Structures are given as C-alpha cells and as structure tokens.
Amino acid sequence: MHYDRSDQGGAQQSRGHHLKQHELAERWKVSGRTLEKWRQTRRGPPYLLIGGAVRYRIEDVLAYEASRLQEALR
C-alpha cells in the first residue's frame, strides 16, 4: 500500500485524502476505542462510513484540530 506524506502535518494518508481509524488514533496518540466512543457520542471530527469502513477526510481532521487550538494564558 502506498502512503502519501504531504505537508498535512506529516500524517500517513490512505487513499490520498482519507485517514483510517488506526491512522487517526496514531496521529492523535489515542486508542481506536476512544475514537469509537467519540463517534457514538458525536464528538470528534466528522467521518465517512463506506461499506462498513470508517474514514476521516483529512480536511475535516485539520479543521477539527484548528477548532481545538488553545491560546496560552498570559
């Protein structure tokens, strides 16, 4: 399988513009089970369900990360 390493935070991307659950879990250093719980409780980034397989669009992951930025307290 070919992985594209673009300047999208160095993420390993499957099929160019989508991350598999385990790829996003690795990127964020959380378990796959955590991502499953987040989907059940409508937390985290939007996801696609295609033929029973969960995929995250890289643009949705980047937007979610940007929305979670915290400024340092002064």
N, C-alpha and C. Protein backbone atom coordinates (compact mmCIF):
# COMPACT_ATOMS: atom_id res chain seq x y z
N MET A 1 0.84 -1.18 0.00
CA MET A 1 0.00 0.00 0.00
C MET A 1 0.89 1.24 0.00
N HIS A 2 0.53 2.24 -0.76
CA HIS A 2 1.28 3.47 -0.87
C HIS A 2 0.71 4.52 0.07
N TYR A 3 1.58 5.18 0.83
CA TYR A 3 1.16 6.25 1.72
C TYR A 3 1.74 7.56 1.21
N ASP A 4 0.92 8.57 1.16
CA ASP A 4 1.33 9.88 0.72
C ASP A 4 1.71 10.71 1.94
N ARG A 5 2.95 11.18 2.00
CA ARG A 5 3.37 12.04 3.11
C ARG A 5 3.45 13.47 2.57
N SER A 6 2.34 14.17 2.61
CA SER A 6 2.31 15.56 2.17
C SER A 6 2.55 16.44 3.37
N ASP A 7 2.42 17.73 3.19
CA ASP A 7 2.65 18.63 4.31
C ASP A 7 1.39 18.82 5.15
N GLN A 8 0.57 17.83 5.27
CA GLN A 8 -0.63 17.85 6.10
C GLN A 8 -0.29 17.39 7.50
N GLY A 9 0.72 17.96 8.12
CA GLY A 9 1.11 17.55 9.45
C GLY A 9 1.86 16.24 9.46
N GLY A 10 2.32 15.76 8.30
CA GLY A 10 3.08 14.53 8.23
C GLY A 10 2.23 13.29 8.41
N ALA A 11 0.93 13.42 8.28
CA ALA A 11 0.04 12.28 8.51
C ALA A 11 0.22 11.24 7.42
N GLN A 12 0.17 9.99 7.82
CA GLN A 12 0.12 8.93 6.84
C GLN A 12 -1.31 8.90 6.33
N GLN A 13 -1.47 8.96 5.04
CA GLN A 13 -2.81 9.04 4.47
C GLN A 13 -3.08 7.82 3.63
N SER A 14 -4.23 7.21 3.84
CA SER A 14 -4.64 6.13 2.98
C SER A 14 -5.52 6.72 1.89
N ARG A 15 -5.35 6.26 0.68
CA ARG A 15 -6.13 6.72 -0.46
C ARG A 15 -6.04 8.23 -0.65
N GLY A 16 -4.94 8.85 -0.27
CA GLY A 16 -4.70 10.24 -0.58
C GLY A 16 -5.30 11.24 0.37
N HIS A 17 -6.61 11.23 0.58
CA HIS A 17 -7.23 12.30 1.34
C HIS A 17 -8.06 11.80 2.51
N HIS A 18 -7.90 10.57 2.89
CA HIS A 18 -8.67 9.99 3.99
C HIS A 18 -7.76 9.25 4.96
N LEU A 19 -8.12 9.28 6.24
CA LEU A 19 -7.40 8.53 7.25
C LEU A 19 -8.27 7.40 7.75
N LYS A 20 -7.67 6.25 7.95
CA LYS A 20 -8.36 5.15 8.59
C LYS A 20 -8.37 5.41 10.09
N GLN A 21 -9.23 4.70 10.81
CA GLN A 21 -9.33 4.91 12.26
C GLN A 21 -7.97 4.76 12.94
N HIS A 22 -7.24 3.71 12.61
CA HIS A 22 -5.96 3.48 13.29
C HIS A 22 -4.94 4.56 12.95
N GLU A 23 -5.03 5.16 11.75
CA GLU A 23 -4.13 6.24 11.37
C GLU A 23 -4.42 7.50 12.18
N LEU A 24 -5.70 7.82 12.36
CA LEU A 24 -6.05 8.98 13.17
C LEU A 24 -5.70 8.74 14.64
N ALA A 25 -5.94 7.54 15.12
CA ALA A 25 -5.58 7.20 16.50
C ALA A 25 -4.08 7.37 16.71
N GLU A 26 -3.29 6.94 15.77
CA GLU A 26 -1.83 7.09 15.86
C GLU A 26 -1.44 8.57 15.83
N ARG A 27 -2.06 9.32 14.95
CA ARG A 27 -1.76 10.76 14.81
C ARG A 27 -2.02 11.49 16.12
N TRP A 28 -3.13 11.16 16.77
CA TRP A 28 -3.53 11.86 18.00
C TRP A 28 -3.09 11.15 19.27
N LYS A 29 -2.44 10.01 19.14
CA LYS A 29 -1.98 9.25 20.31
C LYS A 29 -3.13 8.88 21.24
N VAL A 30 -4.22 8.41 20.65
CA VAL A 30 -5.37 7.90 21.40
C VAL A 30 -5.67 6.50 20.87
N SER A 31 -6.49 5.78 21.59
CA SER A 31 -6.83 4.43 21.13
C SER A 31 -7.94 4.48 20.09
N GLY A 32 -8.02 3.43 19.31
CA GLY A 32 -9.13 3.30 18.37
C GLY A 32 -10.46 3.28 19.10
N ARG A 33 -10.47 2.68 20.29
CA ARG A 33 -11.69 2.62 21.10
C ARG A 33 -12.15 4.03 21.50
N THR A 34 -11.21 4.91 21.78
CA THR A 34 -11.56 6.31 22.09
C THR A 34 -12.28 6.94 20.92
N LEU A 35 -11.77 6.74 19.71
CA LEU A 35 -12.42 7.30 18.52
C LEU A 35 -13.82 6.70 18.34
N GLU A 36 -13.96 5.41 18.63
CA GLU A 36 -15.28 4.77 18.54
C GLU A 36 -16.26 5.40 19.52
N LYS A 37 -15.81 5.64 20.74
CA LYS A 37 -16.67 6.28 21.75
C LYS A 37 -17.04 7.69 21.31
N TRP A 38 -16.07 8.42 20.76
CA TRP A 38 -16.36 9.77 20.29
C TRP A 38 -17.41 9.76 19.19
N ARG A 39 -17.33 8.78 18.29
CA ARG A 39 -18.35 8.71 17.23
C ARG A 39 -19.73 8.45 17.82
N GLN A 40 -19.79 7.57 18.82
CA GLN A 40 -21.08 7.25 19.45
C GLN A 40 -21.68 8.45 20.18
N THR A 41 -20.82 9.32 20.70
CA THR A 41 -21.29 10.48 21.46
C THR A 41 -21.21 11.78 20.66
N ARG A 42 -20.98 11.64 19.35
CA ARG A 42 -20.93 12.79 18.43
C ARG A 42 -19.85 13.80 18.80
N ARG A 43 -18.72 13.30 19.23
CA ARG A 43 -17.54 14.13 19.48
C ARG A 43 -16.56 13.87 18.35
N GLY A 44 -15.54 14.71 18.28
CA GLY A 44 -14.51 14.49 17.27
C GLY A 44 -14.92 14.98 15.90
N PRO A 45 -14.07 14.73 14.92
CA PRO A 45 -14.34 15.21 13.56
C PRO A 45 -15.41 14.37 12.87
N PRO A 46 -16.05 14.95 11.85
CA PRO A 46 -16.99 14.16 11.05
C PRO A 46 -16.26 12.98 10.41
N TYR A 47 -17.01 11.94 10.08
CA TYR A 47 -16.41 10.75 9.47
C TYR A 47 -17.33 10.23 8.38
N LEU A 48 -16.75 9.42 7.53
CA LEU A 48 -17.50 8.74 6.48
C LEU A 48 -17.64 7.28 6.87
N LEU A 49 -18.75 6.69 6.55
CA LEU A 49 -18.95 5.26 6.72
C LEU A 49 -19.24 4.70 5.34
N ILE A 50 -18.26 4.00 4.79
CA ILE A 50 -18.37 3.49 3.43
C ILE A 50 -18.21 1.97 3.48
N GLY A 51 -19.28 1.28 3.16
CA GLY A 51 -19.24 -0.18 3.17
C GLY A 51 -18.83 -0.74 4.53
N GLY A 52 -19.21 -0.06 5.60
CA GLY A 52 -18.88 -0.50 6.95
C GLY A 52 -17.52 -0.04 7.44
N ALA A 53 -16.74 0.62 6.59
CA ALA A 53 -15.42 1.11 6.97
C ALA A 53 -15.48 2.59 7.31
N VAL A 54 -14.89 2.96 8.43
CA VAL A 54 -14.84 4.36 8.86
C VAL A 54 -13.64 5.04 8.24
N ARG A 55 -13.86 6.20 7.67
CA ARG A 55 -12.78 7.01 7.11
C ARG A 55 -12.99 8.45 7.54
N TYR A 56 -11.87 9.14 7.78
CA TYR A 56 -11.89 10.56 8.15
C TYR A 56 -11.24 11.35 7.02
N ARG A 57 -11.95 12.34 6.50
CA ARG A 57 -11.36 13.20 5.47
C ARG A 57 -10.30 14.06 6.14
N ILE A 58 -9.13 14.17 5.51
CA ILE A 58 -8.03 14.92 6.10
C ILE A 58 -8.43 16.38 6.33
N GLU A 59 -9.24 16.96 5.44
CA GLU A 59 -9.64 18.36 5.64
C GLU A 59 -10.53 18.51 6.88
N ASP A 60 -11.33 17.49 7.20
CA ASP A 60 -12.15 17.53 8.41
C ASP A 60 -11.28 17.38 9.66
N VAL A 61 -10.28 16.53 9.58
CA VAL A 61 -9.35 16.35 10.70
C VAL A 61 -8.60 17.65 10.97
N LEU A 62 -8.09 18.29 9.91
CA LEU A 62 -7.36 19.55 10.07
C LEU A 62 -8.26 20.65 10.62
N ALA A 63 -9.51 20.72 10.15
CA ALA A 63 -10.45 21.72 10.65
C ALA A 63 -10.76 21.47 12.13
N TYR A 64 -10.93 20.21 12.50
CA TYR A 64 -11.20 19.88 13.90
C TYR A 64 -10.01 20.26 14.77
N GLU A 65 -8.81 19.94 14.31
CA GLU A 65 -7.62 20.31 15.07
C GLU A 65 -7.53 21.83 15.24
N ALA A 66 -7.80 22.57 14.18
CA ALA A 66 -7.76 24.03 14.26
C ALA A 66 -8.80 24.57 15.24
N SER A 67 -9.96 23.93 15.29
CA SER A 67 -11.01 24.39 16.19
C SER A 67 -10.68 24.12 17.66
N ARG A 68 -9.73 23.22 17.89
CA ARG A 68 -9.35 22.84 19.25
C ARG A 68 -8.12 23.60 19.76
N LEU A 69 -7.57 24.51 18.94
CA LEU A 69 -6.40 25.27 19.37
C LEU A 69 -6.73 26.11 20.59
N GLN A 70 -5.83 26.10 21.53
CA GLN A 70 -5.98 26.88 22.76
C GLN A 70 -4.84 27.89 22.82
N GLU A 71 -5.17 29.13 23.17
CA GLU A 71 -4.13 30.11 23.34
C GLU A 71 -3.57 29.98 24.75
N ALA A 72 -2.29 30.22 24.87
CA ALA A 72 -1.65 30.16 26.18
C ALA A 72 -2.17 31.31 27.05
N LEU A 73 -2.39 31.02 28.31
CA LEU A 73 -2.80 32.05 29.24
C LEU A 73 -1.61 32.94 29.54
N ARG A 74 -1.86 34.21 29.62
CA ARG A 74 -0.77 35.17 29.89
C ARG A 74 -0.76 35.55 31.35
